[in-house]
Amino acid sequence: MDYLLLNELAEKLEIAPLNLLREEAEILVLTNLAESSLAGKIIFYGCTALRLAYNCPRYSEDLDFLMVSQISENELSDVLQKTVAAAPELSIGEVKDKRNTLFALLKLKSQFLKHPLSIKLEIAKRKNGIEKEFRPLSSPCSPLQPVLYTATLASLEKMKLFALKAREAPRDWFDAYYI
C-alpha cells in the first residue's frame, strides 16, 4: 500500500495506519492458509475472526485458530515460507510446537513504520467443540477475500462469555457487547 492510500484510508476509517498495515498482512497470511493443505485442519476464531468475518470494529494483533486435525510444525512452517516468499515485507521470527499450541511469530517491516510489527499466529490443540462455517474474510485494506472455516457467531459469543468470567478484560466486554 502506498503512503497516500494508506493515510487516506486511515483517515476515512478513523484508525491508525499501523493497524491497516497489520491487517493487510493478516489477510495475506489468511489467504495463504486458505489455499493450503492446512485450510481443512483449522478453525479461525477470536477477535480478528470477529472483525474480518463479522465486521467488528475492534482490531486485534494476532491470528487465533483451533486445530481440527493434526498439523506439524513443518507443515505450518512450509505454508509461512510460501507466504513470506511472496511478501518481502514479511519475515518469520519463529515457528514452535509448544505443549498446547502451534505458535508462529511473523514480523512486518514497512517504510512507514519506525519498528517492525509482530503478528502472532496461534493454533490451539485443545478440544473445542465449537461450531464452524465457511466464511469469507474481508478488510478494506485488501482486495483479497480468503474463505476459511470460522467459528460461528454463537460459538464466538460462548467463548467471549467464558473469557469474561476468567479475566474480565475490557476488550472482552467490548466484543461481547458487539456480538
Foldseek 3Di string as FASTA:
>chain_A
DDDVVLVVVCVVLVHDSVLLQQVQLVLLLLQLCLVDPCQVFKAWADDLCCCFQVNQSDGDQETEIEGNDDDDLVRSVVSVVVSCVVPVQKDWPDWDDDDFWTKTWMWGDDPPDPGTGIYIYIYGHDDDPFDWDWTWTDDPSDPDTRTGTYGDPVRNLVVLVVVCVVPVDPVSVSSNVVD
